Amino acid sequence: MRISQELIDQMIEHAREDLPNECCGLVGGHEGEATSVYPMRNEFESPLRYKLHAGDNLRVSEEMREADEETIGVYHSHTKSAAYPSQTDVNEGQAWPELTYFIVSLADSAAPDVKAYLLKDLKIADVELLVT
């Protein structure tokens, strides 16, 4: 997955802004290249789980359509744990198995970590990030 450092920085900034809760949002782009990050509200307002806010989902879908982008990924933060999918992440990832799941870890607040995964058939596969 190709992604700019600027988009990674936007995800990290959103994660920090939403503390103590997990943040979440969508990643837009085309054919393995991320071109936009769409921050959304966490409907659960929880430090342990996330759910993309339904109203934000409608807004973001329209913004992506206008930008001629596809949804290629979902991102969320882990406030105190590593950038690795939890069992809940894996289970919920079955809804959109074709998407890349980005996780922003703030476990070390001085050195946030962003990793990406495919979550298909209840399995976790690393996705290499080519940062530009």
Protein backbone atom coordinates (compact mmCIF):
# COMPACT_ATOMS: atom_id res chain seq x y z
CA MET A 1 0.00 0.00 0.00
CA ARG A 2 1.43 3.36 -1.03
CA ILE A 3 0.71 6.18 1.41
CA SER A 4 2.26 9.58 2.04
CA GLN A 5 3.85 10.56 5.32
CA GLU A 6 1.36 13.44 5.36
CA LEU A 7 -1.59 11.01 5.50
CA ILE A 8 0.08 8.97 8.23
CA ASP A 9 0.65 12.19 10.18
CA GLN A 10 -3.05 13.08 9.79
CA MET A 11 -4.07 9.73 11.28
CA ILE A 12 -1.64 10.21 14.19
CA GLU A 13 -2.95 13.73 14.80
CA HIS A 14 -6.54 12.45 14.84
CA ALA A 15 -5.56 9.68 17.28
CA ARG A 16 -4.00 12.23 19.64
CA GLU A 17 -6.98 14.59 19.38
CA ASP A 18 -9.45 11.86 20.30
CA LEU A 19 -7.62 10.66 23.42
CA PRO A 20 -8.54 9.08 25.76
CA ASN A 21 -10.82 7.37 23.21
CA GLU A 22 -9.94 5.45 20.08
CA CYS A 23 -10.25 7.44 16.87
CA CYS A 24 -11.49 6.06 13.57
CA GLY A 25 -11.93 7.00 9.95
CA LEU A 26 -11.70 5.90 6.35
CA VAL A 27 -8.88 5.98 3.82
CA GLY A 28 -9.68 6.90 0.22
CA GLY A 29 -7.69 6.15 -2.87
CA HIS A 30 -7.30 3.85 -5.87
CA GLU A 31 -5.71 0.46 -6.52
CA GLY A 32 -3.39 0.25 -3.54
CA GLU A 33 -2.57 3.94 -3.25
CA ALA A 34 -4.01 6.03 -0.42
CA THR A 35 -4.83 9.59 -1.45
CA SER A 36 -6.97 10.89 1.43
CA VAL A 37 -7.78 10.32 5.08
CA TYR A 38 -11.31 11.00 6.31
CA PRO A 39 -11.49 11.43 10.11
CA MET A 40 -14.78 10.37 11.63
CA ARG A 41 -16.32 10.29 15.08
CA ASN A 42 -16.16 7.12 17.13
CA GLU A 43 -19.80 6.32 17.80
CA PHE A 44 -18.79 4.31 20.89
CA GLU A 45 -16.67 7.15 22.37
CA SER A 46 -14.56 4.43 23.98
CA PRO A 47 -10.86 3.87 24.70
CA LEU A 48 -11.36 0.16 23.89
CA ARG A 49 -13.58 -0.02 20.78
CA TYR A 50 -14.61 1.98 17.79
CA LYS A 51 -17.54 2.25 15.43
CA LEU A 52 -17.64 4.61 12.47
CA HIS A 53 -20.31 7.23 13.17
CA ALA A 54 -23.31 6.64 10.89
CA GLY A 55 -23.84 10.32 10.09
CA ASP A 56 -20.14 10.83 9.34
CA ASN A 57 -20.23 7.75 7.11
CA LEU A 58 -22.85 9.40 4.88
CA ARG A 59 -20.85 12.64 4.69
CA VAL A 60 -17.58 10.85 3.93
CA SER A 61 -19.21 8.66 1.27
CA GLU A 62 -20.38 11.81 -0.51
CA GLU A 63 -16.95 13.47 -0.18
CA MET A 64 -15.26 10.38 -1.63
CA ARG A 65 -17.72 10.24 -4.51
CA GLU A 66 -17.05 13.91 -5.31
CA ALA A 67 -13.28 13.28 -5.16
CA ASP A 68 -13.67 10.18 -7.39
CA GLU A 69 -12.08 8.00 -4.71
CA GLU A 70 -12.86 4.53 -3.46
CA THR A 71 -12.80 3.36 0.14
CA ILE A 72 -9.57 1.38 0.33
CA GLY A 73 -9.06 1.33 4.07
CA VAL A 74 -10.28 1.85 7.60
CA TYR A 75 -8.11 3.29 10.35
CA HIS A 76 -8.40 3.41 14.10
CA SER A 77 -6.14 3.91 17.07
CA HIS A 78 -4.99 1.79 19.97
CA THR A 79 -4.49 4.14 22.88
CA LYS A 80 -2.34 1.86 25.04
CA SER A 81 -1.53 -1.23 22.98
CA ALA A 82 0.56 -2.12 19.96
CA ALA A 83 -0.41 -1.48 16.34
CA TYR A 84 -1.66 -5.04 15.97
CA PRO A 85 -5.28 -6.16 15.51
CA SER A 86 -7.19 -7.27 18.58
CA GLN A 87 -9.58 -10.21 18.32
CA THR A 88 -12.41 -7.67 18.17
CA ASP A 89 -10.67 -5.93 15.24
CA VAL A 90 -10.32 -9.27 13.45
CA ASN A 91 -13.95 -10.22 14.06
CA GLU A 92 -15.33 -6.85 12.94
CA GLY A 93 -12.96 -6.74 9.97
CA GLN A 94 -14.93 -9.56 8.38
CA ALA A 95 -17.55 -6.99 7.34
CA TRP A 96 -15.12 -5.45 4.80
CA PRO A 97 -12.49 -8.13 4.12
CA GLU A 98 -11.25 -6.37 0.96
CA LEU A 99 -10.14 -3.25 2.85
CA THR A 100 -6.78 -2.49 4.44
CA TYR A 101 -6.99 -1.89 8.19
CA PHE A 102 -4.58 0.74 9.52
CA ILE A 103 -3.86 0.83 13.25
CA VAL A 104 -2.25 3.83 14.95
CA SER A 105 -0.63 2.89 18.25
CA LEU A 106 -0.11 5.58 20.87
CA ALA A 107 1.34 3.11 23.40
CA ASP A 108 4.57 5.13 23.17
CA SER A 109 3.21 8.66 22.82
CA ALA A 110 6.61 10.00 21.79
CA ALA A 111 6.90 7.49 18.93
CA PRO A 112 3.48 6.61 17.47
CA ASP A 113 3.45 3.50 15.30
CA VAL A 114 1.24 2.91 12.24
CA LYS A 115 0.84 -0.51 10.66
CA ALA A 116 -1.60 -2.01 8.17
CA TYR A 117 -3.29 -5.39 7.81
CA LEU A 118 -5.74 -7.42 5.80
CA LEU A 119 -8.34 -9.09 8.01
CA LYS A 120 -9.92 -11.83 5.93
CA ASP A 121 -11.29 -15.22 6.92
CA LEU A 122 -10.48 -14.44 10.57
CA LYS A 123 -6.77 -14.24 9.68
CA ILE A 124 -4.31 -11.39 10.00
CA ALA A 125 -1.96 -10.59 7.10
CA ASP A 126 0.61 -7.78 7.20
CA VAL A 127 0.35 -5.12 4.51
CA GLU A 128 3.60 -3.44 3.57
CA LEU A 129 3.36 0.35 3.71
CA LEU A 130 5.38 2.15 1.05
CA VAL A 131 5.65 5.60 2.61
CA THR A 132 6.26 8.41 0.13
